[in-house]
Amino acid sequence: MNVLPMEYCPNCGGELRIIAGILERPVIEKIHSHLGLDPQPPPESRAREAGIDFADFAS
């Protein structure tokens, strides 16, 4: 489950707390539509290469 990356309201500075975990896709899509957001998640992208040269770890 994704977690909000914030602890305080950006408008009033009040503390935020999770009051529900919504896991049903139709409910999430309805909320997103109501907020003017795309109801469908973005397409998954490929993982980026770490850029580690494993030869550096060879003895």
C-alpha atoms as a PDB file:
ATOM      1  CA  MET A   1       0.000   0.000   0.000  1.00  0.00           C
ATOM      2  CA  ASN A   2       1.287   3.449  -0.830  1.00  0.00           C
ATOM      3  CA  VAL A   3       1.716   5.880   2.038  1.00  0.00           C
ATOM      4  CA  LEU A   4       1.201   9.635   1.842  1.00  0.00           C
ATOM      5  CA  PRO A   5       4.601  11.358   1.881  1.00  0.00           C
ATOM      6  CA  MET A   6       3.383  14.043   4.279  1.00  0.00           C
ATOM      7  CA  GLU A   7       2.566  14.389   7.940  1.00  0.00           C
ATOM      8  CA  TYR A   8       0.950  17.834   7.958  1.00  0.00           C
ATOM      9  CA  CYS A   9      -1.729  19.526   5.873  1.00  0.00           C
ATOM     10  CA  PRO A  10      -0.133  21.847   3.284  1.00  0.00           C
ATOM     11  CA  ASN A  11      -3.073  24.281   3.683  1.00  0.00           C
ATOM     12  CA  CYS A  12      -3.532  24.632   7.447  1.00  0.00           C
ATOM     13  CA  GLY A  13      -0.490  22.869   8.929  1.00  0.00           C
ATOM     14  CA  GLY A  14      -2.686  20.467  10.920  1.00  0.00           C
ATOM     15  CA  GLU A  15      -1.482  16.943  11.581  1.00  0.00           C
ATOM     16  CA  LEU A  16      -2.686  14.340   9.066  1.00  0.00           C
ATOM     17  CA  ARG A  17      -3.666  10.827  10.042  1.00  0.00           C
ATOM     18  CA  ILE A  18      -4.869   7.855   8.053  1.00  0.00           C
ATOM     19  CA  ILE A  19      -8.540   7.165   8.720  1.00  0.00           C
ATOM     20  CA  ALA A  20      -9.157   4.450   6.124  1.00  0.00           C
ATOM     21  CA  GLY A  21      -7.392   2.133   3.731  1.00  0.00           C
ATOM     22  CA  ILE A  22      -9.330   1.889   0.477  1.00  0.00           C
ATOM     23  CA  LEU A  23      -8.328  -1.173  -1.508  1.00  0.00           C
ATOM     24  CA  GLU A  24     -11.277  -1.755  -3.853  1.00  0.00           C
ATOM     25  CA  ARG A  25     -10.424  -0.520  -7.356  1.00  0.00           C
ATOM     26  CA  PRO A  26     -13.964   0.719  -8.230  1.00  0.00           C
ATOM     27  CA  VAL A  27     -14.046   2.853  -5.082  1.00  0.00           C
ATOM     28  CA  ILE A  28     -10.576   4.265  -5.775  1.00  0.00           C
ATOM     29  CA  GLU A  29     -11.553   5.066  -9.377  1.00  0.00           C
ATOM     30  CA  LYS A  30     -14.717   6.840  -8.200  1.00  0.00           C
ATOM     31  CA  ILE A  31     -12.733   8.964  -5.726  1.00  0.00           C
ATOM     32  CA  HIS A  32     -10.131   9.831  -8.370  1.00  0.00           C
ATOM     33  CA  SER A  33     -12.840  10.807 -10.854  1.00  0.00           C
ATOM     34  CA  HIS A  34     -14.545  12.992  -8.235  1.00  0.00           C
ATOM     35  CA  LEU A  35     -11.220  14.764  -7.590  1.00  0.00           C
ATOM     36  CA  GLY A  36     -10.626  15.312 -11.315  1.00  0.00           C
ATOM     37  CA  LEU A  37      -7.787  12.781 -11.421  1.00  0.00           C
ATOM     38  CA  ASP A  38      -7.270  10.023 -13.971  1.00  0.00           C
ATOM     39  CA  PRO A  39      -9.087   7.020 -12.508  1.00  0.00           C
ATOM     40  CA  GLN A  40      -6.623   4.586 -14.108  1.00  0.00           C
ATOM     41  CA  PRO A  41      -3.109   4.115 -12.700  1.00  0.00           C
ATOM     42  CA  PRO A  42      -0.167   5.076 -14.917  1.00  0.00           C
ATOM     43  CA  PRO A  43       1.384   2.241 -16.924  1.00  0.00           C
ATOM     44  CA  GLU A  44       4.122   0.324 -15.175  1.00  0.00           C
ATOM     45  CA  SER A  45       7.588   1.242 -16.336  1.00  0.00           C
ATOM     46  CA  ARG A  46      10.683  -0.903 -16.496  1.00  0.00           C
ATOM     47  CA  ALA A  47      13.050  -0.848 -13.559  1.00  0.00           C
ATOM     48  CA  ARG A  48      16.088   1.337 -14.065  1.00  0.00           C
ATOM     49  CA  GLU A  49      19.548  -0.175 -14.072  1.00  0.00           C
ATOM     50  CA  ALA A  50      21.376   0.376 -10.827  1.00  0.00           C
ATOM     51  CA  GLY A  51      24.585   1.345 -12.620  1.00  0.00           C
ATOM     52  CA  ILE A  52      26.657  -0.973 -10.441  1.00  0.00           C
ATOM     53  CA  ASP A  53      29.679  -2.611 -12.019  1.00  0.00           C
ATOM     54  CA  PHE A  54      29.869  -5.954 -10.258  1.00  0.00           C
ATOM     55  CA  ALA A  55      33.473  -6.340 -11.394  1.00  0.00           C
ATOM     56  CA  ASP A  56      34.312  -3.842  -8.634  1.00  0.00           C
ATOM     57  CA  PHE A  57      33.288  -6.478  -6.080  1.00  0.00           C
ATOM     58  CA  ALA A  58      35.294  -9.343  -7.582  1.00  0.00           C
ATOM     59  CA  SER A  59      38.383 -10.421  -5.681  1.00  0.00           C
END
